Amino acid sequence: MKKIVSLLIIALAALTAQAASLAEQGDSAYTADDFQRAAELYTKAAETEGTSSALFYNLGNTYYRMGQLGKAVLNYERALKLDPANEDARTNLAFVNSRIIDRPGDRGSVMSKIVDDTVSSAHSNTWSWLAIGCFTLLLGAIAVYIFSDNVALRKVSFFGGLALLALTIAGIILAVIAADKATTTERAVVIAPSTQLSTSPRQPKDKTEQAILLHEGTVVEIIDSVATPADTVNPVWLDVRVDNANRAWISKSDTERI
């Protein structure tokens, strides 16, 4: 009888372990400081159970605890890509960025940076609802202007309507940019401890072909890619922009797209 009870307990424990999602098992491994196992479980969860901002955030924390800053940055960026309102991911990303070696300069114009920072502050759905709300108020302002006999009220509705029209257009533009940013794969993170960029899509042969040395955690913008089948070690090279002053080729194997 005791043997049967023991078997039932073992079977129940096995069923309970199976019932727990991979992400939950990853949480348990992380709590137990088994970060390698946690990373494996979180990664498998993303592949089989679907991705989420919270999952990428947990994976970022795991890689940071493992000392892999490049993959930590990668996953915090992915968490923010899915949910720009994830303040924990934004805070941790800023902290990890303060610890990476490279300090790239500005990328793009001042205006493009302002637009990018604004777009990144909210999800595309948020900007869409803002546009819808402003458009609804705009219709109300138009109705007041058409049907009201009060001159002061008509002036307020006219100028308010112009402001609402501008906000509606801005909301639509920001929603489109945010949606595009959420699906684009034009940015990548250096995950190798260090990598030498080249002036040509190949491993630098000498110092004249060496462009810039980058370290893990640096984010680059992908401009183009070239396949080099003859190079069995680095078969694909990416043309990347590090900042406004630096553009070169990097081996795809040293990066991972956000």
C-alpha atoms as a PDB file:
ATOM      1  CA  MET A   1       0.000   0.000   0.000  1.00  0.00           C
ATOM      2  CA  LYS A   2       2.796   2.442   0.910  1.00  0.00           C
ATOM      3  CA  LYS A   3       4.466   1.646  -2.389  1.00  0.00           C
ATOM      4  CA  ILE A   4       1.289   2.551  -4.288  1.00  0.00           C
ATOM      5  CA  VAL A   5       0.947   5.833  -2.367  1.00  0.00           C
ATOM      6  CA  SER A   6       4.568   6.700  -3.116  1.00  0.00           C
ATOM      7  CA  LEU A   7       4.023   6.032  -6.810  1.00  0.00           C
ATOM      8  CA  LEU A   8       0.913   8.221  -6.781  1.00  0.00           C
ATOM      9  CA  ILE A   9       2.827  11.044  -5.109  1.00  0.00           C
ATOM     10  CA  ILE A  10       5.623  10.787  -7.685  1.00  0.00           C
ATOM     11  CA  ALA A  11       3.097  10.748 -10.532  1.00  0.00           C
ATOM     12  CA  LEU A  12       1.296  13.776  -9.046  1.00  0.00           C
ATOM     13  CA  ALA A  13       4.581  15.668  -8.724  1.00  0.00           C
ATOM     14  CA  ALA A  14       5.404  14.864 -12.339  1.00  0.00           C
ATOM     15  CA  LEU A  15       2.001  16.102 -13.506  1.00  0.00           C
ATOM     16  CA  THR A  16       2.405  19.291 -11.468  1.00  0.00           C
ATOM     17  CA  ALA A  17       5.813  19.939 -13.032  1.00  0.00           C
ATOM     18  CA  GLN A  18       4.351  19.420 -16.497  1.00  0.00           C
ATOM     19  CA  ALA A  19       1.425  21.712 -15.712  1.00  0.00           C
ATOM     20  CA  ALA A  20       3.753  24.571 -14.789  1.00  0.00           C
ATOM     21  CA  SER A  21       4.550  26.664 -17.818  1.00  0.00           C
ATOM     22  CA  LEU A  22       8.113  26.964 -19.039  1.00  0.00           C
ATOM     23  CA  ALA A  23       8.123  30.612 -17.984  1.00  0.00           C
ATOM     24  CA  GLU A  24       7.050  29.638 -14.456  1.00  0.00           C
ATOM     25  CA  GLN A  25       9.758  26.982 -14.347  1.00  0.00           C
ATOM     26  CA  GLY A  26      12.174  29.677 -15.478  1.00  0.00           C
ATOM     27  CA  ASP A  27      11.021  31.890 -12.608  1.00  0.00           C
ATOM     28  CA  SER A  28      11.723  29.064 -10.172  1.00  0.00           C
ATOM     29  CA  ALA A  29      15.178  28.480 -11.622  1.00  0.00           C
ATOM     30  CA  TYR A  30      15.943  32.207 -11.451  1.00  0.00           C
ATOM     31  CA  THR A  31      14.832  32.343  -7.800  1.00  0.00           C
ATOM     32  CA  ALA A  32      17.142  29.411  -7.097  1.00  0.00           C
ATOM     33  CA  ASP A  33      20.029  31.320  -8.748  1.00  0.00           C
ATOM     34  CA  ASP A  34      20.245  28.696 -11.507  1.00  0.00           C
ATOM     35  CA  PHE A  35      20.543  31.371 -14.192  1.00  0.00           C
ATOM     36  CA  GLN A  36      21.767  29.094 -16.981  1.00  0.00           C
ATOM     37  CA  ARG A  37      18.699  26.881 -16.545  1.00  0.00           C
ATOM     38  CA  ALA A  38      16.451  29.926 -16.262  1.00  0.00           C
ATOM     39  CA  ALA A  39      17.789  31.334 -19.539  1.00  0.00           C
ATOM     40  CA  GLU A  40      17.184  27.997 -21.280  1.00  0.00           C
ATOM     41  CA  LEU A  41      13.612  27.786 -19.964  1.00  0.00           C
ATOM     42  CA  TYR A  42      12.744  31.410 -20.800  1.00  0.00           C
ATOM     43  CA  THR A  43      14.166  30.995 -24.309  1.00  0.00           C
ATOM     44  CA  LYS A  44      12.205  27.787 -24.859  1.00  0.00           C
ATOM     45  CA  ALA A  45       9.080  29.501 -23.513  1.00  0.00           C
ATOM     46  CA  ALA A  46       9.496  32.291 -26.065  1.00  0.00           C
ATOM     47  CA  GLU A  47       9.828  29.724 -28.848  1.00  0.00           C
ATOM     48  CA  THR A  48       6.914  27.485 -27.847  1.00  0.00           C
ATOM     49  CA  GLU A  49       4.533  29.508 -25.667  1.00  0.00           C
ATOM     50  CA  GLY A  50       4.865  32.920 -27.317  1.00  0.00           C
ATOM     51  CA  THR A  51       6.741  36.090 -26.488  1.00  0.00           C
ATOM     52  CA  SER A  52       5.814  38.909 -24.135  1.00  0.00           C
ATOM     53  CA  SER A  53       7.411  42.027 -22.746  1.00  0.00           C
ATOM     54  CA  ALA A  54       7.528  40.444 -19.277  1.00  0.00           C
ATOM     55  CA  LEU A  55       9.245  37.322 -20.616  1.00  0.00           C
ATOM     56  CA  PHE A  56      11.950  39.312 -22.412  1.00  0.00           C
ATOM     57  CA  TYR A  57      12.383  41.461 -19.290  1.00  0.00           C
ATOM     58  CA  ASN A  58      12.969  38.346 -17.172  1.00  0.00           C
ATOM     59  CA  LEU A  59      15.384  36.999 -19.771  1.00  0.00           C
ATOM     60  CA  GLY A  60      17.250  40.315 -19.718  1.00  0.00           C
ATOM     61  CA  ASN A  61      17.574  40.104 -15.942  1.00  0.00           C
ATOM     62  CA  THR A  62      18.825  36.532 -16.245  1.00  0.00           C
ATOM     63  CA  TYR A  63      21.556  37.390 -18.749  1.00  0.00           C
ATOM     64  CA  TYR A  64      22.619  40.363 -16.648  1.00  0.00           C
ATOM     65  CA  ARG A  65      23.065  38.070 -13.640  1.00  0.00           C
ATOM     66  CA  MET A  66      25.134  35.785 -15.905  1.00  0.00           C
ATOM     67  CA  GLY A  67      27.370  38.715 -16.854  1.00  0.00           C
ATOM     68  CA  GLN A  68      26.284  38.716 -20.502  1.00  0.00           C
ATOM     69  CA  LEU A  69      25.551  42.405 -20.952  1.00  0.00           C
ATOM     70  CA  GLY A  70      24.991  42.171 -24.708  1.00  0.00           C
ATOM     71  CA  LYS A  71      22.159  39.684 -24.381  1.00  0.00           C
ATOM     72  CA  ALA A  72      20.771  41.626 -21.426  1.00  0.00           C
ATOM     73  CA  VAL A  73      20.546  44.776 -23.572  1.00  0.00           C
ATOM     74  CA  LEU A  74      19.052  42.725 -26.428  1.00  0.00           C
ATOM     75  CA  ASN A  75      16.224  41.376 -24.313  1.00  0.00           C
ATOM     76  CA  TYR A  76      15.455  44.656 -22.542  1.00  0.00           C
ATOM     77  CA  GLU A  77      15.209  46.262 -25.995  1.00  0.00           C
ATOM     78  CA  ARG A  78      12.874  43.480 -27.115  1.00  0.00           C
ATOM     79  CA  ALA A  79      10.746  43.968 -24.002  1.00  0.00           C
ATOM     80  CA  LEU A  80      10.399  47.683 -24.792  1.00  0.00           C
ATOM     81  CA  LYS A  81       9.703  46.926 -28.438  1.00  0.00           C
ATOM     82  CA  LEU A  82       6.628  44.960 -27.382  1.00  0.00           C
ATOM     83  CA  ASP A  83       5.639  47.338 -24.590  1.00  0.00           C
ATOM     84  CA  PRO A  84       7.232  50.815 -24.480  1.00  0.00           C
ATOM     85  CA  ALA A  85       5.429  51.399 -21.164  1.00  0.00           C
ATOM     86  CA  ASN A  86       7.487  48.697 -19.407  1.00  0.00           C
ATOM     87  CA  GLU A  87       9.275  51.048 -17.022  1.00  0.00           C
ATOM     88  CA  ASP A  88      11.171  48.236 -15.275  1.00  0.00           C
ATOM     89  CA  ALA A  89      12.744  47.214 -18.582  1.00  0.00           C
ATOM     90  CA  ARG A  90      13.523  50.854 -19.407  1.00  0.00           C
ATOM     91  CA  THR A  91      15.169  51.401 -16.012  1.00  0.00           C
ATOM     92  CA  ASN A  92      17.251  48.223 -16.215  1.00  0.00           C
ATOM     93  CA  LEU A  93      18.264  48.983 -19.798  1.00  0.00           C
ATOM     94  CA  ALA A  94      19.528  52.413 -18.749  1.00  0.00           C
ATOM     95  CA  PHE A  95      21.477  50.815 -15.904  1.00  0.00           C
ATOM     96  CA  VAL A  96      23.104  48.169 -18.138  1.00  0.00           C
ATOM     97  CA  ASN A  97      23.881  50.782 -20.815  1.00  0.00           C
ATOM     98  CA  SER A  98      25.778  52.745 -18.174  1.00  0.00           C
ATOM     99  CA  ARG A  99      28.038  49.724 -17.683  1.00  0.00           C
ATOM    100  CA  ILE A 100      28.904  48.861 -21.284  1.00  0.00           C
ATOM    101  CA  ILE A 101      32.248  49.987 -22.690  1.00  0.00           C
ATOM    102  CA  ASP A 102      31.268  51.801 -25.889  1.00  0.00           C
ATOM    103  CA  ARG A 103      29.704  55.253 -25.947  1.00  0.00           C
ATOM    104  CA  PRO A 104      28.439  55.862 -29.523  1.00  0.00           C
ATOM    105  CA  GLY A 105      27.737  59.427 -30.579  1.00  0.00           C
ATOM    106  CA  ASP A 106      24.493  60.816 -31.934  1.00  0.00           C
ATOM    107  CA  ARG A 107      22.633  58.927 -34.632  1.00  0.00           C
ATOM    108  CA  GLY A 108      20.377  60.954 -36.921  1.00  0.00           C
ATOM    109  CA  SER A 109      19.298  64.563 -36.516  1.00  0.00           C
ATOM    110  CA  VAL A 110      18.101  66.294 -33.370  1.00  0.00           C
ATOM    111  CA  MET A 111      14.552  66.293 -34.723  1.00  0.00           C
ATOM    112  CA  SER A 112      14.620  62.575 -35.536  1.00  0.00           C
ATOM    113  CA  LYS A 113      15.858  61.866 -32.004  1.00  0.00           C
ATOM    114  CA  ILE A 114      12.990  63.905 -30.526  1.00  0.00           C
ATOM    115  CA  VAL A 115      10.472  62.036 -32.680  1.00  0.00           C
ATOM    116  CA  ASP A 116      12.047  58.680 -31.782  1.00  0.00           C
ATOM    117  CA  ASP A 117      11.982  59.447 -28.052  1.00  0.00           C
ATOM    118  CA  THR A 118       8.351  60.573 -28.310  1.00  0.00           C
ATOM    119  CA  VAL A 119       7.295  57.485 -30.274  1.00  0.00           C
ATOM    120  CA  SER A 120       9.129  55.200 -27.850  1.00  0.00           C
ATOM    121  CA  SER A 121       7.234  56.613 -24.877  1.00  0.00           C
ATOM    122  CA  ALA A 122       3.997  54.786 -25.737  1.00  0.00           C
ATOM    123  CA  HIS A 123       2.578  51.815 -27.632  1.00  0.00           C
ATOM    124  CA  SER A 124       1.214  52.322 -31.150  1.00  0.00           C
ATOM    125  CA  ASN A 125      -2.288  51.540 -29.824  1.00  0.00           C
ATOM    126  CA  THR A 126      -1.965  54.419 -27.354  1.00  0.00           C
ATOM    127  CA  TRP A 127      -1.165  56.854 -30.162  1.00  0.00           C
ATOM    128  CA  SER A 128      -4.061  55.428 -32.191  1.00  0.00           C
ATOM    129  CA  TRP A 129      -6.531  56.003 -29.367  1.00  0.00           C
ATOM    130  CA  LEU A 130      -5.146  59.511 -28.899  1.00  0.00           C
ATOM    131  CA  ALA A 131      -5.824  60.225 -32.592  1.00  0.00           C
ATOM    132  CA  ILE A 132      -9.340  58.764 -32.340  1.00  0.00           C
ATOM    133  CA  GLY A 133     -10.095  60.774 -29.199  1.00  0.00           C
ATOM    134  CA  CYS A 134      -8.868  64.025 -30.761  1.00  0.00           C
ATOM    135  CA  PHE A 135     -10.818  63.328 -33.950  1.00  0.00           C
ATOM    136  CA  THR A 136     -14.001  62.743 -31.930  1.00  0.00           C
ATOM    137  CA  LEU A 137     -13.512  66.041 -30.109  1.00  0.00           C
ATOM    138  CA  LEU A 138     -12.797  67.680 -33.469  1.00  0.00           C
ATOM    139  CA  LEU A 139     -16.193  66.551 -34.772  1.00  0.00           C
ATOM    140  CA  GLY A 140     -17.771  68.052 -31.659  1.00  0.00           C
ATOM    141  CA  ALA A 141     -15.933  71.350 -32.225  1.00  0.00           C
ATOM    142  CA  ILE A 142     -17.127  71.412 -35.847  1.00  0.00           C
ATOM    143  CA  ALA A 143     -20.720  70.815 -34.713  1.00  0.00           C
ATOM    144  CA  VAL A 144     -20.484  73.654 -32.180  1.00  0.00           C
ATOM    145  CA  TYR A 145     -19.038  75.999 -34.811  1.00  0.00           C
ATOM    146  CA  ILE A 146     -21.801  75.180 -37.293  1.00  0.00           C
ATOM    147  CA  PHE A 147     -24.829  75.176 -35.004  1.00  0.00           C
ATOM    148  CA  SER A 148     -23.956  77.636 -32.214  1.00  0.00           C
ATOM    149  CA  ASP A 149     -25.114  81.261 -32.368  1.00  0.00           C
ATOM    150  CA  ASN A 150     -22.652  82.358 -29.663  1.00  0.00           C
ATOM    151  CA  VAL A 151     -19.800  84.223 -31.360  1.00  0.00           C
ATOM    152  CA  ALA A 152     -17.308  83.622 -28.518  1.00  0.00           C
ATOM    153  CA  LEU A 153     -18.140  79.923 -28.440  1.00  0.00           C
ATOM    154  CA  ARG A 154     -17.729  79.677 -32.208  1.00  0.00           C
ATOM    155  CA  LYS A 155     -14.272  81.295 -31.964  1.00  0.00           C
ATOM    156  CA  VAL A 156     -13.240  78.861 -29.260  1.00  0.00           C
ATOM    157  CA  SER A 157     -14.519  75.903 -31.275  1.00  0.00           C
ATOM    158  CA  PHE A 158     -12.748  77.159 -34.426  1.00  0.00           C
ATOM    159  CA  PHE A 159      -9.304  77.582 -32.895  1.00  0.00           C
ATOM    160  CA  GLY A 160      -9.798  74.535 -30.656  1.00  0.00           C
ATOM    161  CA  GLY A 161     -10.738  72.571 -33.745  1.00  0.00           C
ATOM    162  CA  LEU A 162      -7.500  73.594 -35.457  1.00  0.00           C
ATOM    163  CA  ALA A 163      -5.525  72.395 -32.453  1.00  0.00           C
ATOM    164  CA  LEU A 164      -7.467  69.127 -32.364  1.00  0.00           C
ATOM    165  CA  LEU A 165      -6.864  68.635 -36.091  1.00  0.00           C
ATOM    166  CA  ALA A 166      -3.131  69.051 -35.535  1.00  0.00           C
ATOM    167  CA  LEU A 167      -3.210  66.591 -32.614  1.00  0.00           C
ATOM    168  CA  THR A 168      -5.196  64.093 -34.690  1.00  0.00           C
ATOM    169  CA  ILE A 169      -2.663  64.221 -37.510  1.00  0.00           C
ATOM    170  CA  ALA A 170       0.228  63.985 -35.054  1.00  0.00           C
ATOM    171  CA  GLY A 171      -1.410  61.004 -33.329  1.00  0.00           C
ATOM    172  CA  ILE A 172      -1.843  59.191 -36.652  1.00  0.00           C
ATOM    173  CA  ILE A 173       1.772  59.851 -37.667  1.00  0.00           C
ATOM    174  CA  LEU A 174       3.116  58.713 -34.293  1.00  0.00           C
ATOM    175  CA  ALA A 175       0.905  55.583 -34.382  1.00  0.00           C
ATOM    176  CA  VAL A 176       2.219  54.654 -37.827  1.00  0.00           C
ATOM    177  CA  ILE A 177       5.846  55.240 -36.801  1.00  0.00           C
ATOM    178  CA  ALA A 178       5.367  53.289 -33.556  1.00  0.00           C
ATOM    179  CA  ALA A 179       3.755  50.353 -35.402  1.00  0.00           C
ATOM    180  CA  ASP A 180       6.611  50.313 -37.910  1.00  0.00           C
ATOM    181  CA  LYS A 181       9.186  50.480 -35.130  1.00  0.00           C
ATOM    182  CA  ALA A 182       7.524  47.542 -33.355  1.00  0.00           C
ATOM    183  CA  THR A 183       7.939  45.334 -36.430  1.00  0.00           C
ATOM    184  CA  THR A 184      11.231  46.553 -37.880  1.00  0.00           C
ATOM    185  CA  THR A 185      14.415  44.514 -37.507  1.00  0.00           C
ATOM    186  CA  GLU A 186      16.833  47.200 -38.637  1.00  0.00           C
ATOM    187  CA  ARG A 187      18.569  47.421 -35.252  1.00  0.00           C
ATOM    188  CA  ALA A 188      20.900  44.865 -33.717  1.00  0.00           C
ATOM    189  CA  VAL A 189      22.957  44.431 -30.558  1.00  0.00           C
ATOM    190  CA  VAL A 190      26.576  43.320 -30.413  1.00  0.00           C
ATOM    191  CA  ILE A 191      26.556  40.096 -28.380  1.00  0.00           C
ATOM    192  CA  ALA A 192      30.213  39.103 -28.831  1.00  0.00           C
ATOM    193  CA  PRO A 193      32.546  40.299 -26.042  1.00  0.00           C
ATOM    194  CA  SER A 194      34.291  42.425 -28.688  1.00  0.00           C
ATOM    195  CA  THR A 195      34.350  42.592 -32.482  1.00  0.00           C
ATOM    196  CA  GLN A 196      36.479  44.435 -35.006  1.00  0.00           C
ATOM    197  CA  LEU A 197      34.448  46.190 -37.685  1.00  0.00           C
ATOM    198  CA  SER A 198      35.871  46.330 -41.188  1.00  0.00           C
ATOM    199  CA  THR A 199      35.867  48.795 -44.071  1.00  0.00           C
ATOM    200  CA  SER A 200      34.914  45.836 -46.334  1.00  0.00           C
ATOM    201  CA  PRO A 201      32.490  42.923 -45.908  1.00  0.00           C
ATOM    202  CA  ARG A 202      35.257  40.581 -44.746  1.00  0.00           C
ATOM    203  CA  GLN A 203      37.633  40.043 -41.869  1.00  0.00           C
ATOM    204  CA  PRO A 204      40.183  42.922 -41.867  1.00  0.00           C
ATOM    205  CA  LYS A 205      43.429  41.799 -43.458  1.00  0.00           C
ATOM    206  CA  ASP A 206      45.476  44.596 -41.923  1.00  0.00           C
ATOM    207  CA  LYS A 207      45.116  47.830 -39.959  1.00  0.00           C
ATOM    208  CA  THR A 208      44.057  49.772 -43.067  1.00  0.00           C
ATOM    209  CA  GLU A 209      40.842  47.718 -43.199  1.00  0.00           C
ATOM    210  CA  GLN A 210      40.084  48.048 -39.491  1.00  0.00           C
ATOM    211  CA  ALA A 211      37.261  50.531 -38.909  1.00  0.00           C
ATOM    212  CA  ILE A 212      36.210  50.508 -35.251  1.00  0.00           C
ATOM    213  CA  LEU A 213      36.305  48.108 -32.314  1.00  0.00           C
ATOM    214  CA  LEU A 214      32.944  47.497 -30.618  1.00  0.00           C
ATOM    215  CA  HIS A 215      32.045  45.626 -27.447  1.00  0.00           C
ATOM    216  CA  GLU A 216      28.974  43.724 -26.283  1.00  0.00           C
ATOM    217  CA  GLY A 217      25.847  45.714 -25.615  1.00  0.00           C
ATOM    218  CA  THR A 218      26.356  48.337 -28.325  1.00  0.00           C
ATOM    219  CA  VAL A 219      23.289  48.903 -30.508  1.00  0.00           C
ATOM    220  CA  VAL A 220      23.862  49.407 -34.231  1.00  0.00           C
ATOM    221  CA  GLU A 221      21.553  50.305 -37.116  1.00  0.00           C
ATOM    222  CA  ILE A 222      21.555  47.828 -40.009  1.00  0.00           C
ATOM    223  CA  ILE A 223      21.802  49.459 -43.426  1.00  0.00           C
ATOM    224  CA  ASP A 224      22.473  46.458 -45.668  1.00  0.00           C
ATOM    225  CA  SER A 225      23.783  42.897 -45.647  1.00  0.00           C
ATOM    226  CA  VAL A 226      26.045  40.888 -47.932  1.00  0.00           C
ATOM    227  CA  ALA A 227      26.469  37.119 -48.136  1.00  0.00           C
ATOM    228  CA  THR A 228      30.037  35.844 -48.496  1.00  0.00           C
ATOM    229  CA  PRO A 229      29.703  32.078 -49.089  1.00  0.00           C
ATOM    230  CA  ALA A 230      33.456  31.726 -49.571  1.00  0.00           C
ATOM    231  CA  ASP A 231      33.941  32.806 -45.949  1.00  0.00           C
ATOM    232  CA  THR A 232      32.896  29.727 -43.974  1.00  0.00           C
ATOM    233  CA  VAL A 233      33.578  31.426 -40.626  1.00  0.00           C
ATOM    234  CA  ASN A 234      31.626  34.641 -41.265  1.00  0.00           C
ATOM    235  CA  PRO A 235      29.288  33.927 -44.225  1.00  0.00           C
ATOM    236  CA  VAL A 236      27.205  37.101 -43.777  1.00  0.00           C
ATOM    237  CA  TRP A 237      28.367  40.681 -43.130  1.00  0.00           C
ATOM    238  CA  LEU A 238      26.175  43.599 -42.109  1.00  0.00           C
ATOM    239  CA  ASP A 239      26.669  47.189 -43.175  1.00  0.00           C
ATOM    240  CA  VAL A 240      25.874  49.076 -39.970  1.00  0.00           C
ATOM    241  CA  ARG A 241      25.781  52.632 -38.687  1.00  0.00           C
ATOM    242  CA  VAL A 242      27.181  52.992 -35.186  1.00  0.00           C
ATOM    243  CA  ASP A 243      26.569  56.749 -35.045  1.00  0.00           C
ATOM    244  CA  ASN A 244      26.708  59.751 -37.363  1.00  0.00           C
ATOM    245  CA  ALA A 245      30.487  59.482 -37.631  1.00  0.00           C
ATOM    246  CA  ASN A 246      30.964  55.715 -37.901  1.00  0.00           C
ATOM    247  CA  ARG A 247      29.630  53.278 -40.472  1.00  0.00           C
ATOM    248  CA  ALA A 248      31.333  49.941 -41.247  1.00  0.00           C
ATOM    249  CA  TRP A 249      30.879  46.195 -41.761  1.00  0.00           C
ATOM    250  CA  ILE A 250      30.332  43.731 -38.922  1.00  0.00           C
ATOM    251  CA  SER A 251      30.026  39.956 -38.937  1.00  0.00           C
ATOM    252  CA  LYS A 252      26.381  38.921 -38.495  1.00  0.00           C
ATOM    253  CA  SER A 253      27.461  36.177 -36.073  1.00  0.00           C
ATOM    254  CA  ASP A 254      28.641  38.857 -33.629  1.00  0.00           C
ATOM    255  CA  THR A 255      25.215  40.503 -33.493  1.00  0.00           C
ATOM    256  CA  GLU A 256      21.583  39.659 -32.931  1.00  0.00           C
ATOM    257  CA  ARG A 257      18.642  41.612 -34.294  1.00  0.00           C
ATOM    258  CA  ILE A 258      16.291  43.231 -31.802  1.00  0.00           C
END
